[in-house]
C-alpha atoms as a PDB file:
ATOM      1  CA  MET A   1      -1.504  14.642  15.677  1.00  0.00           C
ATOM      2  CA  VAL A   2       0.830  12.305  13.808  1.00  0.00           C
ATOM      3  CA  PRO A   3       1.654  13.453  10.279  1.00  0.00           C
ATOM      4  CA  ARG A   4       0.499  11.203   7.454  1.00  0.00           C
ATOM      5  CA  CYS A   5       2.381  10.197   4.329  1.00  0.00           C
ATOM      6  CA  GLN A   6       1.726   8.423   1.053  1.00  0.00           C
ATOM      7  CA  ILE A   7       3.333   5.013   0.631  1.00  0.00           C
ATOM      8  CA  GLU A   8       3.345   2.486  -2.206  1.00  0.00           C
ATOM      9  CA  VAL A   9       1.977  -0.962  -1.379  1.00  0.00           C
ATOM     10  CA  LEU A  10       3.067  -3.835  -3.640  1.00  0.00           C
ATOM     11  CA  TYR A  11       0.989  -7.014  -3.739  1.00  0.00           C
ATOM     12  CA  PHE A  12       2.262 -10.382  -4.941  1.00  0.00           C
ATOM     13  CA  ALA A  13       0.642 -13.754  -5.686  1.00  0.00           C
ATOM     14  CA  LYS A  14      -2.458 -14.427  -3.538  1.00  0.00           C
ATOM     15  CA  SER A  15      -2.549 -10.901  -2.063  1.00  0.00           C
ATOM     16  CA  ALA A  16      -2.642  -9.465  -5.611  1.00  0.00           C
ATOM     17  CA  GLU A  17      -5.487 -11.830  -6.481  1.00  0.00           C
ATOM     18  CA  ILE A  18      -7.440 -10.726  -3.403  1.00  0.00           C
ATOM     19  CA  THR A  19      -6.928  -6.994  -3.906  1.00  0.00           C
ATOM     20  CA  GLY A  20      -7.255  -7.072  -7.678  1.00  0.00           C
ATOM     21  CA  VAL A  21      -4.213  -4.769  -7.993  1.00  0.00           C
ATOM     22  CA  ARG A  22      -0.438  -5.224  -8.133  1.00  0.00           C
ATOM     23  CA  SER A  23       0.235  -1.919  -6.383  1.00  0.00           C
ATOM     24  CA  GLU A  24      -1.498   1.102  -4.947  1.00  0.00           C
ATOM     25  CA  THR A  25      -0.679   4.313  -3.133  1.00  0.00           C
ATOM     26  CA  ILE A  26      -2.261   4.849   0.276  1.00  0.00           C
ATOM     27  CA  CYS A  27      -1.997   7.512   2.966  1.00  0.00           C
ATOM     28  CA  VAL A  28      -1.142   6.335   6.502  1.00  0.00           C
ATOM     29  CA  PRO A  29       0.340   7.818   9.686  1.00  0.00           C
ATOM     30  CA  GLN A  30       4.124   8.240   9.450  1.00  0.00           C
ATOM     31  CA  GLU A  31       4.488   6.549  12.835  1.00  0.00           C
ATOM     32  CA  ILE A  32       2.518   3.322  12.897  1.00  0.00           C
ATOM     33  CA  LYS A  33       2.956  -0.165  14.324  1.00  0.00           C
ATOM     34  CA  ALA A  34       3.400  -2.931  11.783  1.00  0.00           C
ATOM     35  CA  PHE A  35       0.170  -4.664  12.777  1.00  0.00           C
ATOM     36  CA  GLN A  36      -1.765  -1.377  12.593  1.00  0.00           C
ATOM     37  CA  LEU A  37      -0.470  -0.878   9.065  1.00  0.00           C
ATOM     38  CA  TRP A  38      -1.682  -4.371   8.152  1.00  0.00           C
ATOM     39  CA  LYS A  39      -5.087  -3.542   9.659  1.00  0.00           C
ATOM     40  CA  GLU A  40      -5.232  -0.416   7.450  1.00  0.00           C
ATOM     41  CA  LEU A  41      -4.663  -2.678   4.442  1.00  0.00           C
ATOM     42  CA  GLU A  42      -7.349  -5.087   5.653  1.00  0.00           C
ATOM     43  CA  THR A  43      -9.765  -2.152   5.940  1.00  0.00           C
ATOM     44  CA  LEU A  44      -9.153  -1.356   2.264  1.00  0.00           C
ATOM     45  CA  HIS A  45      -9.205  -5.026   1.234  1.00  0.00           C
ATOM     46  CA  PRO A  46     -11.047  -7.187   3.816  1.00  0.00           C
ATOM     47  CA  GLY A  47     -10.077 -10.404   1.987  1.00  0.00           C
ATOM     48  CA  LEU A  48      -6.460  -9.903   3.078  1.00  0.00           C
ATOM     49  CA  ALA A  49      -7.466 -11.180   6.518  1.00  0.00           C
ATOM     50  CA  ASP A  50      -7.494 -14.664   4.960  1.00  0.00           C
ATOM     51  CA  VAL A  51      -3.749 -14.529   4.197  1.00  0.00           C
ATOM     52  CA  ARG A  52      -2.520 -12.601   7.264  1.00  0.00           C
ATOM     53  CA  ASN A  53      -0.656 -15.634   8.637  1.00  0.00           C
ATOM     54  CA  GLN A  54       0.654 -16.734   5.243  1.00  0.00           C
ATOM     55  CA  VAL A  55       2.517 -13.665   3.996  1.00  0.00           C
ATOM     56  CA  ILE A  56       5.737 -11.841   4.731  1.00  0.00           C
ATOM     57  CA  PHE A  57       5.576  -8.102   5.184  1.00  0.00           C
ATOM     58  CA  ALA A  58       8.495  -6.004   3.922  1.00  0.00           C
ATOM     59  CA  VAL A  59       9.101  -2.302   4.551  1.00  0.00           C
ATOM     60  CA  ARG A  60      11.801  -0.685   2.400  1.00  0.00           C
ATOM     61  CA  GLN A  61      12.921  -4.207   1.389  1.00  0.00           C
ATOM     62  CA  GLU A  62      13.406  -5.297   5.040  1.00  0.00           C
ATOM     63  CA  TYR A  63      11.255  -8.085   6.477  1.00  0.00           C
ATOM     64  CA  VAL A  64       8.991  -7.012   9.325  1.00  0.00           C
ATOM     65  CA  GLU A  65       6.878  -9.125  11.676  1.00  0.00           C
ATOM     66  CA  LEU A  66       3.213  -8.207  11.915  1.00  0.00           C
ATOM     67  CA  GLY A  67       3.434  -7.176  15.555  1.00  0.00           C
ATOM     68  CA  ASP A  68       4.064  -4.202  17.787  1.00  0.00           C
ATOM     69  CA  GLN A  69       7.197  -3.063  15.940  1.00  0.00           C
ATOM     70  CA  GLN A  70       7.014   0.711  15.479  1.00  0.00           C
ATOM     71  CA  LEU A  71       7.584   1.877  11.905  1.00  0.00           C
ATOM     72  CA  LEU A  72       8.681   5.366  10.925  1.00  0.00           C
ATOM     73  CA  LEU A  73       7.519   5.713   7.338  1.00  0.00           C
ATOM     74  CA  GLN A  74       8.655   8.300   4.832  1.00  0.00           C
ATOM     75  CA  PRO A  75       6.683   9.552   1.825  1.00  0.00           C
ATOM     76  CA  GLY A  76       7.190   7.157  -1.078  1.00  0.00           C
ATOM     77  CA  ASP A  77       8.260   4.158   1.031  1.00  0.00           C
ATOM     78  CA  GLU A  78       7.484   0.763  -0.489  1.00  0.00           C
ATOM     79  CA  ILE A  79       5.619  -1.849   1.504  1.00  0.00           C
ATOM     80  CA  ALA A  80       5.500  -5.327  -0.031  1.00  0.00           C
ATOM     81  CA  ILE A  81       3.094  -8.140   0.773  1.00  0.00           C
ATOM     82  CA  ILE A  82       5.065 -11.251  -0.162  1.00  0.00           C
ATOM     83  CA  PRO A  83       3.787 -14.846  -0.335  1.00  0.00           C
ATOM     84  CA  PRO A  84       5.512 -17.625   1.594  1.00  0.00           C
ATOM     85  CA  ILE A  85       8.803 -18.669   0.065  1.00  0.00           C
ATOM     86  CA  SER A  86       9.344 -22.384  -0.192  1.00  0.00           C
ATOM     87  CA  GLY A  87      12.554 -24.053  -1.121  1.00  0.00           C
ATOM     88  CA  GLY A  88      13.990 -27.449  -1.387  1.00  0.00           C
END
């Protein structure tokens, strides 16, 4: 059985509007694939499915693709859901 840990999830812009919170603490497996972590968030907040392809996912301030990348999380890690960044 994979140990679980508490992490802090930070929501910005549209994801904060959907969830109704700017941050929350959740408990997830310490070893989890990036996409599985996103699915855990969608389970808590089904509306996030609408922005899945429009956000950037960051783990400990490092960008992560929502794919099969294995994450090794530590208690207290920050996960950020960041809106698209446009520039000009």
